[in-house]
Amino acid sequence: MRAWIAHPADDPATRLRLVERPEPEPHGREVRLRVTACGVCRTDLHLVDGDLEPRRPGVVPGHEVVGVVEATGPGARRFAVGDRVGIAWLRSTCGRCRWCTSGRENLCPESRYTGWDADGGYAEFAVADEDYVYALPDGYDDEHAAPLLCAGIIGYRALHRAELPEGGRLGIYGFGASAHITAQLALAQGARVHVLTRSPAAQELALALGAHSAGDAADEPPERLDSAILFAPVGTLVPVAMAALDRGGILAVAGIHLSDIPPLNYQRHLFLERQLRSVTSNTREDGAELFRAAVQAGVRVTTTPYPLAAADAALADLRADRVNGAAVLMIAG
């Protein structure tokens, strides 16, 4: 099968390589998918660019994987051959630790991740344990379902972490794959959404989706914010977003990687019970809830498709902020 692998190199242009590999065999409770689409996430870019060290040499990136079950391991019972399913970022947890047993499996010290610890979806086939595989909602074709598997799920968790009050004022910093889904979820809850991003195309998309304002990332929003989410991996925006919060406001940082945060001033950024929170991975229940919320809200996923052979071009476009919405590799079917 054709597959892209993350390969350490001094030249960023050679860190992602297209190779031929044997088709993976499902073992135990695993299922094998013939991959039809795989979303291109900024985490993949961090992996290829060296911000995240690969946890396995030659790992296949990609954790927004949509496909059709083609084979099952001897212990697999949940899905049948021919089912359309999805593989997301969270790949396994121990199920025994205090985080797993208290509904916080995203914090499991033994958690493993698709496209980082184990091969992901930048390939024609992929395998995963059926307990961490999702049945996908009707109403989204493969191309538009793929971004829901990480951009949607992590945005949903970030919105939860930001504790947006009913009818509240939400600021969104950066407006890519995850943010454009999250904005629609917040709007469906009756929120006033203000988007702060440097991309004019992203500002236009935000307004088209119903945002109440869209400006540059360094601008002040037109009103104080009850909650904010930082999607851009830019630490210098943390003080900017914190300063825009109203009393008791919360900023959630939704990325796995962030550049250094400048010093915060206690009076300007943290006093009056403002809070700064991180977002770490997701639980499987987050995914199930996100799918229900997306269907109920009628979330529209904006995509830019690429063939599998152009995965390097898709990442280059993402690196240069040339992707509006979500980039998706179209692989088969």
Protein backbone atom coordinates (compact mmCIF):
# COMPACT_ATOMS: atom_id res chain seq x y z
CA MET A 1 0.00 0.00 0.00
CA ARG A 2 1.02 3.64 -0.40
CA ALA A 3 1.72 5.49 2.84
CA TRP A 4 3.40 8.70 3.94
CA ILE A 5 5.85 8.46 6.85
CA ALA A 6 7.32 11.11 9.11
CA HIS A 7 11.08 10.92 8.72
CA PRO A 8 13.58 13.08 10.69
CA ALA A 9 15.52 15.34 8.34
CA ASP A 10 17.19 18.74 8.36
CA ASP A 11 15.22 19.85 5.30
CA PRO A 12 11.49 20.24 6.11
CA ALA A 13 10.68 19.33 2.50
CA THR A 14 11.99 15.77 3.07
CA ARG A 15 10.49 15.08 6.49
CA LEU A 16 7.41 13.51 4.93
CA ARG A 17 8.10 10.63 2.54
CA LEU A 18 5.82 8.54 0.36
CA VAL A 19 6.69 4.83 0.61
CA GLU A 20 5.28 1.38 -0.13
CA ARG A 21 4.36 -0.74 2.88
CA PRO A 22 2.55 -4.05 3.41
CA GLU A 23 -1.13 -3.81 4.27
CA PRO A 24 -1.50 -3.97 8.08
CA GLU A 25 -3.16 -7.05 9.56
CA PRO A 26 -5.80 -6.65 12.30
CA HIS A 27 -5.08 -8.51 15.53
CA GLY A 28 -7.15 -9.12 18.63
CA ARG A 29 -10.00 -6.59 18.73
CA GLU A 30 -8.66 -4.52 15.85
CA VAL A 31 -10.42 -3.66 12.62
CA ARG A 32 -8.75 -2.80 9.33
CA LEU A 33 -10.09 0.07 7.28
CA ARG A 34 -9.71 0.76 3.62
CA VAL A 35 -9.14 4.47 4.09
CA THR A 36 -11.34 6.74 2.00
CA ALA A 37 -10.44 10.13 3.53
CA CYS A 38 -8.12 11.55 6.17
CA GLY A 39 -8.21 15.06 7.54
CA VAL A 40 -4.97 17.05 7.69
CA CYS A 41 -4.51 18.40 11.22
CA ARG A 42 -2.08 21.00 12.50
CA THR A 43 -0.79 18.31 14.87
CA ASP A 44 0.42 16.44 11.76
CA LEU A 45 2.29 19.59 10.79
CA HIS A 46 3.87 19.85 14.26
CA LEU A 47 5.00 16.22 13.87
CA VAL A 48 6.52 16.77 10.44
CA ASP A 49 8.10 20.10 11.41
CA GLY A 50 9.73 18.62 14.52
CA ASP A 51 7.67 20.46 17.14
CA LEU A 52 6.55 16.98 18.25
CA GLU A 53 9.07 14.16 18.23
CA PRO A 54 7.72 10.97 16.57
CA ARG A 55 7.19 8.29 19.18
CA ARG A 56 7.93 5.61 16.61
CA PRO A 57 10.37 5.83 13.69
CA GLY A 58 8.66 6.11 10.33
CA VAL A 59 5.19 6.59 11.81
CA VAL A 60 2.33 7.30 9.39
CA PRO A 61 0.64 10.61 10.36
CA GLY A 62 -3.07 11.28 10.27
CA HIS A 63 -5.75 10.90 12.95
CA GLU A 64 -8.96 12.03 11.24
CA VAL A 65 -9.42 8.74 9.41
CA VAL A 66 -12.60 7.71 7.60
CA GLY A 67 -12.90 4.35 5.92
CA VAL A 68 -14.78 1.13 5.41
CA VAL A 69 -14.12 -1.94 7.55
CA GLU A 70 -12.44 -4.48 5.31
CA ALA A 71 -11.26 -7.06 7.85
CA THR A 72 -11.55 -7.74 11.57
CA GLY A 73 -9.31 -9.38 14.15
CA PRO A 74 -10.40 -12.63 15.82
CA GLY A 75 -11.70 -10.84 18.92
CA ALA A 76 -13.49 -7.97 17.16
CA ARG A 77 -17.29 -7.96 17.45
CA ARG A 78 -18.42 -4.34 17.35
CA PHE A 79 -18.28 -3.65 13.60
CA ALA A 80 -18.95 -5.73 10.51
CA VAL A 81 -17.15 -5.78 7.19
CA GLY A 82 -18.58 -2.96 5.08
CA ASP A 83 -19.34 -0.57 7.99
CA ARG A 84 -18.23 3.05 7.56
CA VAL A 85 -16.24 4.12 10.62
CA GLY A 86 -13.69 6.65 11.84
CA ILE A 87 -10.39 6.57 13.74
CA ALA A 88 -9.49 9.59 15.87
CA TRP A 89 -6.51 10.88 17.87
CA LEU A 90 -7.04 8.93 21.10
CA ARG A 91 -5.97 5.39 20.29
CA SER A 92 -5.81 3.57 23.64
CA THR A 93 -5.80 4.07 27.40
CA CYS A 94 -5.09 1.75 30.32
CA GLY A 95 -8.68 1.75 31.61
CA ARG A 96 -7.43 1.24 35.19
CA CYS A 97 -5.86 4.47 36.45
CA ARG A 98 -7.70 7.08 38.49
CA TRP A 99 -8.12 9.27 35.44
CA CYS A 100 -9.66 6.51 33.34
CA THR A 101 -11.99 5.40 36.11
CA SER A 102 -13.20 8.96 36.78
CA GLY A 103 -14.18 9.86 33.21
CA ARG A 104 -10.89 11.62 32.43
CA GLU A 105 -9.23 9.09 30.17
CA ASN A 106 -7.69 11.95 28.17
CA LEU A 107 -5.25 12.32 31.09
CA CYS A 108 -4.28 8.63 31.24
CA PRO A 109 -0.48 8.37 31.63
CA GLU A 110 -0.50 5.33 29.34
CA SER A 111 -2.62 6.91 26.60
CA ARG A 112 -1.50 6.36 23.02
CA TYR A 113 -2.31 8.34 19.90
CA THR A 114 -3.03 7.67 16.25
CA GLY A 115 -0.41 9.07 13.90
CA TRP A 116 2.05 9.59 16.73
CA ASP A 117 2.48 6.33 18.65
CA ALA A 118 0.98 4.17 15.90
CA ASP A 119 0.33 4.50 12.18
CA GLY A 120 -2.49 6.78 11.09
CA GLY A 121 -4.46 7.57 7.98
CA TYR A 122 -2.01 9.06 5.47
CA ALA A 123 -2.19 5.63 3.85
CA GLU A 124 -4.50 3.34 1.90
CA PHE A 125 -5.19 1.10 4.93
CA ALA A 126 -5.22 1.60 8.70
CA VAL A 127 -5.95 -0.51 11.78
CA ALA A 128 -7.26 0.39 15.23
CA ASP A 129 -8.82 -1.23 18.28
CA GLU A 130 -12.59 -1.32 17.76
CA ASP A 131 -13.17 0.17 21.23
CA TYR A 132 -11.57 3.42 20.00
CA VAL A 133 -13.28 3.46 16.60
CA TYR A 134 -16.36 5.60 15.96
CA ALA A 135 -19.54 4.86 14.08
CA LEU A 136 -20.01 7.99 11.95
CA PRO A 137 -23.21 10.05 11.76
CA ASP A 138 -25.34 10.05 8.66
CA GLY A 139 -25.50 13.33 6.79
CA TYR A 140 -21.73 13.79 6.36
CA ASP A 141 -19.91 12.23 3.44
CA ASP A 142 -16.37 10.94 3.95
CA GLU A 143 -14.70 14.22 3.02
CA HIS A 144 -16.76 16.28 5.45
CA ALA A 145 -16.86 13.68 8.24
CA ALA A 146 -13.06 13.43 8.47
CA PRO A 147 -12.40 16.84 10.14
CA LEU A 148 -15.01 16.08 12.79
CA LEU A 149 -12.73 13.32 14.14
CA CYS A 150 -10.21 15.77 15.60
CA ALA A 151 -10.95 19.35 14.61
CA GLY A 152 -14.53 18.83 15.72
CA ILE A 153 -13.81 16.77 18.82
CA ILE A 154 -11.02 18.95 20.20
CA GLY A 155 -13.03 22.10 19.46
CA TYR A 156 -15.97 20.63 21.33
CA ARG A 157 -13.78 19.86 24.33
CA ALA A 158 -12.21 23.34 24.18
CA LEU A 159 -15.68 24.89 24.21
CA HIS A 160 -16.51 22.78 27.27
CA ARG A 161 -13.26 23.81 28.99
CA ALA A 162 -13.98 27.48 28.27
CA GLU A 163 -17.29 27.22 30.19
CA LEU A 164 -19.16 29.52 27.85
CA PRO A 165 -22.33 30.65 29.64
CA GLU A 166 -25.68 30.47 27.89
CA GLY A 167 -25.94 33.40 25.49
CA GLY A 168 -22.38 34.36 26.37
CA ARG A 169 -19.69 36.24 24.45
CA LEU A 170 -17.01 33.98 22.93
CA GLY A 171 -13.73 35.06 21.36
CA ILE A 172 -12.02 32.67 18.94
CA TYR A 173 -8.34 33.31 18.16
CA GLY A 174 -7.28 31.65 14.92
CA PHE A 175 -9.89 30.32 12.51
CA GLY A 176 -8.91 27.06 10.87
CA ALA A 177 -10.38 23.57 10.79
CA SER A 178 -11.29 23.30 14.47
CA ALA A 179 -12.35 26.89 15.02
CA HIS A 180 -14.84 27.03 12.14
CA ILE A 181 -16.66 23.99 13.55
CA THR A 182 -16.54 25.26 17.14
CA ALA A 183 -17.93 28.65 16.14
CA GLN A 184 -21.01 26.98 14.69
CA LEU A 185 -21.53 24.93 17.85
CA ALA A 186 -21.33 28.09 19.96
CA LEU A 187 -23.69 30.00 17.67
CA ALA A 188 -26.20 27.15 17.94
CA GLN A 189 -26.09 27.68 21.73
CA GLY A 190 -27.04 31.33 21.29
CA ALA A 191 -23.56 32.76 21.84
CA ARG A 192 -22.20 35.98 20.40
CA VAL A 193 -19.04 34.90 18.57
CA HIS A 194 -16.13 37.21 17.77
CA VAL A 195 -13.35 35.81 15.57
CA LEU A 196 -9.80 37.20 15.72
CA THR A 197 -7.54 35.93 12.94
CA ARG A 198 -4.94 37.39 10.59
CA SER A 199 -6.33 35.68 7.47
CA PRO A 200 -8.79 37.79 5.42
CA ALA A 201 -10.22 34.61 3.87
CA ALA A 202 -10.80 33.13 7.32
CA GLN A 203 -12.47 36.36 8.45
CA GLU A 204 -14.82 36.11 5.47
CA LEU A 205 -15.63 32.49 6.29
CA ALA A 206 -16.31 33.39 9.92
CA LEU A 207 -18.80 36.09 8.94
CA ALA A 208 -20.44 33.78 6.39
CA LEU A 209 -20.95 31.19 9.14
CA GLY A 210 -22.66 33.76 11.36
CA ALA A 211 -19.92 35.24 13.55
CA HIS A 212 -20.88 38.62 14.98
CA SER A 213 -17.51 40.13 14.14
CA ALA A 214 -14.20 39.18 12.56
CA GLY A 215 -10.97 41.09 12.93
CA ASP A 216 -7.21 40.72 13.12
CA ALA A 217 -5.77 38.48 15.83
CA ALA A 218 -4.19 41.47 17.58
CA ASP A 219 -7.41 43.52 17.59
CA GLU A 220 -9.62 44.04 20.60
CA PRO A 221 -13.03 42.41 20.21
CA PRO A 222 -16.00 44.79 20.11
CA GLU A 223 -17.12 43.70 23.59
CA ARG A 224 -15.62 42.01 26.64
CA LEU A 225 -15.53 38.22 26.47
CA ASP A 226 -17.01 35.68 28.87
CA SER A 227 -14.90 32.93 27.30
CA ALA A 228 -12.18 32.62 24.69
CA ILE A 229 -10.47 29.77 22.85
CA LEU A 230 -6.98 30.04 21.39
CA PHE A 231 -6.62 27.75 18.37
CA ALA A 232 -3.59 29.45 16.81
CA PRO A 233 -0.34 27.91 18.19
CA VAL A 234 0.95 31.40 19.00
CA GLY A 235 1.88 32.03 22.62
CA THR A 236 2.04 35.80 22.17
CA LEU A 237 -1.75 35.78 21.74
CA VAL A 238 -2.31 34.48 25.28
CA PRO A 239 -1.88 37.92 26.92
CA VAL A 240 -3.98 39.47 24.16
CA ALA A 241 -6.85 37.06 24.76
CA MET A 242 -6.56 37.23 28.55
CA ALA A 243 -6.77 41.03 28.42
CA ALA A 244 -9.99 40.76 26.40
CA LEU A 245 -11.75 38.64 29.05
CA ASP A 246 -14.40 40.10 31.28
CA ARG A 247 -14.44 39.43 35.04
CA GLY A 248 -14.41 35.68 35.70
CA GLY A 249 -13.64 34.91 32.06
CA ILE A 250 -11.84 31.76 30.93
CA LEU A 251 -9.31 31.26 28.12
CA ALA A 252 -8.87 27.68 26.88
CA VAL A 253 -5.79 26.86 24.78
CA ALA A 254 -6.77 24.16 22.30
CA GLY A 255 -3.47 23.03 20.79
CA ILE A 256 -0.97 20.30 21.59
CA HIS A 257 1.88 22.73 20.86
CA LEU A 258 2.21 26.44 21.65
CA SER A 259 5.10 28.83 21.21
CA ASP A 260 6.39 30.50 24.37
CA ILE A 261 3.95 32.66 26.33
CA PRO A 262 5.24 36.13 27.28
CA PRO A 263 5.09 37.15 30.95
CA LEU A 264 1.56 37.84 32.19
CA ASN A 265 0.72 40.88 34.29
CA TYR A 266 -1.34 39.83 37.29
CA GLN A 267 -3.56 42.92 37.37
CA ARG A 268 -4.14 43.14 33.62
CA HIS A 269 -4.43 39.45 32.74
CA LEU A 270 -5.35 37.33 35.78
CA PHE A 271 -6.97 39.45 38.48
CA LEU A 272 -10.77 39.42 38.85
CA GLU A 273 -10.72 35.60 38.67
CA ARG A 274 -9.79 35.28 35.03
CA GLN A 275 -8.52 31.77 34.25
CA LEU A 276 -6.09 30.24 31.76
CA ARG A 277 -6.68 26.57 30.93
CA SER A 278 -5.16 23.96 28.67
CA VAL A 279 -7.02 21.36 26.62
CA THR A 280 -5.49 17.88 26.52
CA SER A 281 -6.67 15.35 23.95
CA ASN A 282 -10.23 14.12 24.42
CA THR A 283 -12.32 11.32 25.82
CA ARG A 284 -14.30 8.94 23.63
CA GLU A 285 -17.46 10.42 25.09
CA ASP A 286 -16.36 13.83 23.79
CA GLY A 287 -16.41 12.33 20.30
CA ALA A 288 -19.85 10.79 20.69
CA GLU A 289 -21.23 14.06 22.07
CA LEU A 290 -19.62 16.08 19.28
CA PHE A 291 -21.25 13.97 16.57
CA ARG A 292 -24.66 14.45 18.16
CA ALA A 293 -24.10 18.19 18.60
CA ALA A 294 -22.85 18.65 15.02
CA VAL A 295 -25.92 16.93 13.57
CA GLN A 296 -28.29 18.86 15.83
CA ALA A 297 -26.64 22.21 15.03
CA GLY A 298 -26.39 21.47 11.30
CA VAL A 299 -22.65 22.17 11.34
CA ARG A 300 -21.24 22.81 7.86
CA VAL A 301 -17.68 21.58 7.41
CA THR A 302 -15.64 23.62 4.93
CA THR A 303 -12.97 21.52 3.23
CA THR A 304 -10.19 21.68 0.67
CA PRO A 305 -9.57 18.20 -0.83
CA TYR A 306 -6.18 16.83 -1.91
CA PRO A 307 -5.22 13.45 -3.37
CA LEU A 308 -3.13 11.13 -1.19
CA ALA A 309 -0.09 11.80 -3.38
CA ALA A 310 -0.31 15.51 -2.46
CA ALA A 311 -0.14 15.14 1.33
CA ASP A 312 3.10 17.11 1.36
CA ALA A 313 1.42 19.93 -0.58
CA ALA A 314 -1.51 19.91 1.84
CA LEU A 315 0.85 20.35 4.80
CA ALA A 316 2.76 23.07 2.97
CA ASP A 317 -0.49 24.94 2.37
CA LEU A 318 -1.47 24.52 6.02
CA ARG A 319 1.95 25.79 7.11
CA ALA A 320 1.49 28.88 4.93
CA ASP A 321 -2.11 29.50 6.06
CA ARG A 322 -3.44 28.84 2.57
CA VAL A 323 -6.14 26.40 3.73
CA ASN A 324 -9.57 27.82 4.47
CA GLY A 325 -11.46 25.44 6.73
CA ALA A 326 -9.99 21.92 6.75
CA ALA A 327 -7.65 20.14 4.35
CA VAL A 328 -8.65 16.53 3.60
CA LEU A 329 -6.78 13.79 1.79
CA MET A 330 -9.11 11.85 -0.51
CA ILE A 331 -7.71 8.35 -0.73
CA ALA A 332 -10.21 5.83 -2.10
CA GLY A 333 -13.87 5.45 -2.99
